[in-house]
Amino acid sequence: MLNRKSFGFDWGQFITGILFLIAAFVVMRYPLATLKTVTFIFAIVAIIRGIAILAGYSTLRQLTGKLAWVSLLMGIFDLVIGVIFLVNSNFGVATITMMFAIWFLVDSVGSLFNVGHLRIAGTGWFVLYLVLDILAVIVSLMLFMQPVVAAITLVTLLSMFFVLFGIECIVLAFARRNI
């Protein structure tokens, strides 16, 4: 027979939920600070992505041949954008939605050039990746059309995520008291 300990009320989840709700309030209350934080995170992610793309360049070149140069450009572009946003955060905040649009567009189009190597993994993976890249191109073009709406949407979606995750954590805390 198993000696099972019950969960009881999960204070960790409850506190996490409260913190996420506070974060949602702060994000909506201070959208500029939120955009600065997102700009910083974007800069770090772009730098890491650029390094990862450059690290895989030689292998991709062996698999795809001539078209790998597009990935090389993508990696360099990611590094440059990341460094610019890291060094000049005000520029990043002012252009974050346009940079997201450009970044998504460059990476998606670049990936479309090299999607062929996924046929080795199977047709399903190839088609899924192709469809996702096409959708990413469409989303990036939509960001170009309405950059102000995109900036507001970015802050709003982040706040909504925090609210939903906060409520989920609180519900989980109460649900676990019966386990």
C-alpha atoms as a PDB file:
ATOM      1  CA  MET A   1       0.000   0.000   0.000  1.00  0.00           C
ATOM      2  CA  LEU A   2       1.314   3.417  -0.957  1.00  0.00           C
ATOM      3  CA  ASN A   3       1.814   5.987   1.749  1.00  0.00           C
ATOM      4  CA  ARG A   4       0.458   8.970  -0.141  1.00  0.00           C
ATOM      5  CA  LYS A   5       0.604  12.459   1.270  1.00  0.00           C
ATOM      6  CA  SER A   6      -2.235  14.778   0.321  1.00  0.00           C
ATOM      7  CA  PHE A   7      -1.600  18.099  -1.337  1.00  0.00           C
ATOM      8  CA  GLY A   8      -3.795  20.252   0.832  1.00  0.00           C
ATOM      9  CA  PHE A   9      -4.167  23.916  -0.022  1.00  0.00           C
ATOM     10  CA  ASP A  10      -1.327  24.829  -2.387  1.00  0.00           C
ATOM     11  CA  TRP A  11       0.014  28.101  -1.033  1.00  0.00           C
ATOM     12  CA  GLY A  12       2.768  28.217  -3.662  1.00  0.00           C
ATOM     13  CA  GLN A  13       0.239  28.178  -6.510  1.00  0.00           C
ATOM     14  CA  PHE A  14      -1.999  30.641  -4.682  1.00  0.00           C
ATOM     15  CA  ILE A  15       0.833  33.151  -4.184  1.00  0.00           C
ATOM     16  CA  THR A  16       1.968  32.634  -7.784  1.00  0.00           C
ATOM     17  CA  GLY A  17      -1.566  33.371  -8.952  1.00  0.00           C
ATOM     18  CA  ILE A  18      -1.755  36.566  -6.912  1.00  0.00           C
ATOM     19  CA  LEU A  19       1.650  37.668  -8.266  1.00  0.00           C
ATOM     20  CA  PHE A  20       0.499  37.055 -11.851  1.00  0.00           C
ATOM     21  CA  LEU A  21      -2.635  39.136 -11.236  1.00  0.00           C
ATOM     22  CA  ILE A  22      -0.479  41.936  -9.838  1.00  0.00           C
ATOM     23  CA  ALA A  23       1.804  41.629 -12.879  1.00  0.00           C
ATOM     24  CA  ALA A  24      -1.231  41.945 -15.173  1.00  0.00           C
ATOM     25  CA  PHE A  25      -2.263  45.134 -13.385  1.00  0.00           C
ATOM     26  CA  VAL A  26       1.285  46.559 -13.615  1.00  0.00           C
ATOM     27  CA  VAL A  27       1.547  45.692 -17.323  1.00  0.00           C
ATOM     28  CA  MET A  28      -1.695  47.527 -18.103  1.00  0.00           C
ATOM     29  CA  ARG A  29      -0.919  50.412 -15.753  1.00  0.00           C
ATOM     30  CA  TYR A  30       2.595  50.994 -17.125  1.00  0.00           C
ATOM     31  CA  PRO A  31       2.564  50.076 -20.820  1.00  0.00           C
ATOM     32  CA  LEU A  32       5.766  52.014 -21.621  1.00  0.00           C
ATOM     33  CA  ALA A  33       7.747  50.167 -18.942  1.00  0.00           C
ATOM     34  CA  THR A  34       6.265  46.944 -20.289  1.00  0.00           C
ATOM     35  CA  LEU A  35       7.401  47.801 -23.808  1.00  0.00           C
ATOM     36  CA  LYS A  36      10.901  48.580 -22.469  1.00  0.00           C
ATOM     37  CA  THR A  37      11.018  45.204 -20.755  1.00  0.00           C
ATOM     38  CA  VAL A  38       9.735  43.435 -23.859  1.00  0.00           C
ATOM     39  CA  THR A  39      12.360  45.311 -25.896  1.00  0.00           C
ATOM     40  CA  PHE A  40      15.115  44.081 -23.573  1.00  0.00           C
ATOM     41  CA  ILE A  41      13.845  40.490 -23.704  1.00  0.00           C
ATOM     42  CA  PHE A  42      13.490  40.741 -27.494  1.00  0.00           C
ATOM     43  CA  ALA A  43      17.106  41.931 -27.734  1.00  0.00           C
ATOM     44  CA  ILE A  44      18.395  38.976 -25.707  1.00  0.00           C
ATOM     45  CA  VAL A  45      16.266  36.476 -27.662  1.00  0.00           C
ATOM     46  CA  ALA A  46      17.379  37.949 -31.006  1.00  0.00           C
ATOM     47  CA  ILE A  47      21.039  37.665 -29.982  1.00  0.00           C
ATOM     48  CA  ILE A  48      20.597  34.058 -28.837  1.00  0.00           C
ATOM     49  CA  ARG A  49      18.672  33.193 -32.018  1.00  0.00           C
ATOM     50  CA  GLY A  50      21.379  34.798 -34.169  1.00  0.00           C
ATOM     51  CA  ILE A  51      24.080  32.794 -32.419  1.00  0.00           C
ATOM     52  CA  ALA A  52      22.043  29.583 -32.775  1.00  0.00           C
ATOM     53  CA  ILE A  53      21.480  30.169 -36.499  1.00  0.00           C
ATOM     54  CA  LEU A  54      25.147  30.928 -37.095  1.00  0.00           C
ATOM     55  CA  ALA A  55      26.155  27.837 -35.089  1.00  0.00           C
ATOM     56  CA  GLY A  56      23.994  25.613 -37.314  1.00  0.00           C
ATOM     57  CA  TYR A  57      24.984  27.294 -40.575  1.00  0.00           C
ATOM     58  CA  SER A  58      27.593  24.766 -41.713  1.00  0.00           C
ATOM     59  CA  THR A  59      25.303  21.793 -41.120  1.00  0.00           C
ATOM     60  CA  LEU A  60      22.426  23.530 -42.890  1.00  0.00           C
ATOM     61  CA  ARG A  61      24.742  24.366 -45.782  1.00  0.00           C
ATOM     62  CA  GLN A  62      25.607  20.679 -46.156  1.00  0.00           C
ATOM     63  CA  LEU A  63      21.908  19.800 -46.231  1.00  0.00           C
ATOM     64  CA  THR A  64      20.560  22.602 -48.427  1.00  0.00           C
ATOM     65  CA  GLY A  65      23.538  23.767 -50.456  1.00  0.00           C
ATOM     66  CA  LYS A  66      23.457  27.241 -51.950  1.00  0.00           C
ATOM     67  CA  LEU A  67      20.344  28.459 -50.156  1.00  0.00           C
ATOM     68  CA  ALA A  68      22.009  28.333 -46.724  1.00  0.00           C
ATOM     69  CA  TRP A  69      23.360  31.851 -47.286  1.00  0.00           C
ATOM     70  CA  VAL A  70      19.868  33.099 -46.472  1.00  0.00           C
ATOM     71  CA  SER A  71      20.171  31.582 -42.997  1.00  0.00           C
ATOM     72  CA  LEU A  72      23.588  33.181 -42.613  1.00  0.00           C
ATOM     73  CA  LEU A  73      22.010  36.575 -43.333  1.00  0.00           C
ATOM     74  CA  MET A  74      19.167  35.806 -40.915  1.00  0.00           C
ATOM     75  CA  GLY A  75      21.646  35.028 -38.145  1.00  0.00           C
ATOM     76  CA  ILE A  76      23.612  38.217 -38.751  1.00  0.00           C
ATOM     77  CA  PHE A  77      20.381  40.247 -38.928  1.00  0.00           C
ATOM     78  CA  ASP A  78      19.187  38.775 -35.615  1.00  0.00           C
ATOM     79  CA  LEU A  79      22.500  39.608 -33.944  1.00  0.00           C
ATOM     80  CA  VAL A  80      22.534  43.192 -35.247  1.00  0.00           C
ATOM     81  CA  ILE A  81      18.922  43.877 -34.244  1.00  0.00           C
ATOM     82  CA  GLY A  82      19.520  42.357 -30.809  1.00  0.00           C
ATOM     83  CA  VAL A  83      22.596  44.483 -30.177  1.00  0.00           C
ATOM     84  CA  ILE A  84      20.871  47.672 -31.417  1.00  0.00           C
ATOM     85  CA  PHE A  85      17.898  47.081 -29.098  1.00  0.00           C
ATOM     86  CA  LEU A  86      20.196  46.253 -26.189  1.00  0.00           C
ATOM     87  CA  VAL A  87      22.326  49.380 -26.660  1.00  0.00           C
ATOM     88  CA  ASN A  88      19.519  51.820 -27.520  1.00  0.00           C
ATOM     89  CA  SER A  89      16.362  50.766 -25.673  1.00  0.00           C
ATOM     90  CA  ASN A  90      14.492  53.996 -26.529  1.00  0.00           C
ATOM     91  CA  PHE A  91      14.937  53.240 -30.220  1.00  0.00           C
ATOM     92  CA  GLY A  92      13.738  49.720 -29.505  1.00  0.00           C
ATOM     93  CA  VAL A  93      10.587  50.871 -27.748  1.00  0.00           C
ATOM     94  CA  ALA A  94       9.797  53.319 -30.555  1.00  0.00           C
ATOM     95  CA  THR A  95      10.224  50.670 -33.228  1.00  0.00           C
ATOM     96  CA  ILE A  96       9.421  47.415 -31.425  1.00  0.00           C
ATOM     97  CA  THR A  97       6.375  46.491 -33.483  1.00  0.00           C
ATOM     98  CA  MET A  98       8.061  47.334 -36.775  1.00  0.00           C
ATOM     99  CA  MET A  99      11.119  45.356 -35.698  1.00  0.00           C
ATOM    100  CA  PHE A 100       8.937  42.405 -34.739  1.00  0.00           C
ATOM    101  CA  ALA A 101       7.310  42.619 -38.164  1.00  0.00           C
ATOM    102  CA  ILE A 102      10.676  42.827 -39.944  1.00  0.00           C
ATOM    103  CA  TRP A 103      12.151  40.072 -37.787  1.00  0.00           C
ATOM    104  CA  PHE A 104       9.190  37.748 -38.378  1.00  0.00           C
ATOM    105  CA  LEU A 105       9.197  38.501 -42.098  1.00  0.00           C
ATOM    106  CA  VAL A 106      12.963  37.980 -42.561  1.00  0.00           C
ATOM    107  CA  ASP A 107      13.036  34.779 -40.511  1.00  0.00           C
ATOM    108  CA  SER A 108       9.889  33.358 -42.105  1.00  0.00           C
ATOM    109  CA  VAL A 109      10.964  34.072 -45.667  1.00  0.00           C
ATOM    110  CA  GLY A 110      14.446  32.753 -44.882  1.00  0.00           C
ATOM    111  CA  SER A 111      12.956  29.586 -43.451  1.00  0.00           C
ATOM    112  CA  LEU A 112      10.809  29.157 -46.552  1.00  0.00           C
ATOM    113  CA  PHE A 113      14.004  29.059 -48.629  1.00  0.00           C
ATOM    114  CA  ASN A 114      15.374  26.203 -46.522  1.00  0.00           C
ATOM    115  CA  VAL A 115      12.238  24.250 -45.619  1.00  0.00           C
ATOM    116  CA  GLY A 116      13.108  21.505 -48.121  1.00  0.00           C
ATOM    117  CA  HIS A 117      15.498  19.755 -45.761  1.00  0.00           C
ATOM    118  CA  LEU A 118      12.540  18.786 -43.559  1.00  0.00           C
ATOM    119  CA  ARG A 119      11.287  16.368 -46.207  1.00  0.00           C
ATOM    120  CA  ILE A 120      13.807  13.923 -44.752  1.00  0.00           C
ATOM    121  CA  ALA A 121      11.932  14.057 -41.428  1.00  0.00           C
ATOM    122  CA  GLY A 122       8.645  13.276 -43.187  1.00  0.00           C
ATOM    123  CA  THR A 123       6.015  14.972 -45.301  1.00  0.00           C
ATOM    124  CA  GLY A 124       3.889  15.855 -42.277  1.00  0.00           C
ATOM    125  CA  TRP A 125       6.687  17.834 -40.624  1.00  0.00           C
ATOM    126  CA  PHE A 126       7.536  19.518 -43.910  1.00  0.00           C
ATOM    127  CA  VAL A 127       3.935  20.597 -44.559  1.00  0.00           C
ATOM    128  CA  LEU A 128       3.397  21.726 -40.948  1.00  0.00           C
ATOM    129  CA  TYR A 129       6.538  23.878 -41.001  1.00  0.00           C
ATOM    130  CA  LEU A 130       5.634  25.277 -44.419  1.00  0.00           C
ATOM    131  CA  VAL A 131       2.134  26.254 -43.258  1.00  0.00           C
ATOM    132  CA  LEU A 132       3.512  27.844 -40.062  1.00  0.00           C
ATOM    133  CA  ASP A 133       6.040  29.854 -42.068  1.00  0.00           C
ATOM    134  CA  ILE A 134       3.358  31.089 -44.454  1.00  0.00           C
ATOM    135  CA  LEU A 135       1.181  32.095 -41.482  1.00  0.00           C
ATOM    136  CA  ALA A 136       4.171  33.911 -39.941  1.00  0.00           C
ATOM    137  CA  VAL A 137       4.648  35.863 -43.176  1.00  0.00           C
ATOM    138  CA  ILE A 138       0.957  36.863 -43.128  1.00  0.00           C
ATOM    139  CA  VAL A 139       1.128  37.931 -39.451  1.00  0.00           C
ATOM    140  CA  SER A 140       4.275  39.984 -40.067  1.00  0.00           C
ATOM    141  CA  LEU A 141       2.594  41.773 -42.986  1.00  0.00           C
ATOM    142  CA  MET A 142      -0.384  42.512 -40.738  1.00  0.00           C
ATOM    143  CA  LEU A 143       1.971  44.040 -38.138  1.00  0.00           C
ATOM    144  CA  PHE A 144       3.299  46.381 -40.835  1.00  0.00           C
ATOM    145  CA  MET A 145      -0.210  47.592 -41.598  1.00  0.00           C
ATOM    146  CA  GLN A 146      -1.110  48.589 -38.023  1.00  0.00           C
ATOM    147  CA  PRO A 147       2.024  49.166 -35.881  1.00  0.00           C
ATOM    148  CA  VAL A 148       0.256  51.197 -33.156  1.00  0.00           C
ATOM    149  CA  VAL A 149      -2.465  48.577 -32.819  1.00  0.00           C
ATOM    150  CA  ALA A 150       0.256  45.918 -32.701  1.00  0.00           C
ATOM    151  CA  ALA A 151       2.041  47.709 -29.832  1.00  0.00           C
ATOM    152  CA  ILE A 152      -1.175  48.052 -27.830  1.00  0.00           C
ATOM    153  CA  THR A 153      -2.098  44.461 -28.609  1.00  0.00           C
ATOM    154  CA  LEU A 154       1.303  43.268 -27.400  1.00  0.00           C
ATOM    155  CA  VAL A 155       0.792  44.858 -23.974  1.00  0.00           C
ATOM    156  CA  THR A 156      -2.849  43.754 -23.782  1.00  0.00           C
ATOM    157  CA  LEU A 157      -2.088  40.144 -24.729  1.00  0.00           C
ATOM    158  CA  LEU A 158       0.685  39.984 -22.157  1.00  0.00           C
ATOM    159  CA  SER A 159      -1.673  41.306 -19.494  1.00  0.00           C
ATOM    160  CA  MET A 160      -4.389  38.823 -20.521  1.00  0.00           C
ATOM    161  CA  PHE A 161      -1.882  35.965 -20.277  1.00  0.00           C
ATOM    162  CA  PHE A 162      -0.933  37.055 -16.760  1.00  0.00           C
ATOM    163  CA  VAL A 163      -4.598  37.270 -15.709  1.00  0.00           C
ATOM    164  CA  LEU A 164      -5.446  33.843 -17.129  1.00  0.00           C
ATOM    165  CA  PHE A 165      -2.354  32.211 -15.692  1.00  0.00           C
ATOM    166  CA  GLY A 166      -2.971  33.896 -12.327  1.00  0.00           C
ATOM    167  CA  ILE A 167      -6.565  32.665 -12.165  1.00  0.00           C
ATOM    168  CA  GLU A 168      -5.414  29.203 -13.236  1.00  0.00           C
ATOM    169  CA  CYS A 169      -2.865  29.103 -10.395  1.00  0.00           C
ATOM    170  CA  ILE A 170      -5.441  30.229  -7.819  1.00  0.00           C
ATOM    171  CA  VAL A 171      -7.963  27.642  -9.044  1.00  0.00           C
ATOM    172  CA  LEU A 172      -5.262  24.979  -8.853  1.00  0.00           C
ATOM    173  CA  ALA A 173      -4.412  26.035  -5.284  1.00  0.00           C
ATOM    174  CA  PHE A 174      -8.029  25.571  -4.199  1.00  0.00           C
ATOM    175  CA  ALA A 175      -8.534  22.380  -6.232  1.00  0.00           C
ATOM    176  CA  ARG A 176      -5.500  20.735  -4.648  1.00  0.00           C
ATOM    177  CA  ARG A 177      -6.896  21.064  -1.138  1.00  0.00           C
ATOM    178  CA  ASN A 178      -9.225  18.170  -2.039  1.00  0.00           C
ATOM    179  CA  ILE A 179      -6.413  15.949  -3.309  1.00  0.00           C
END
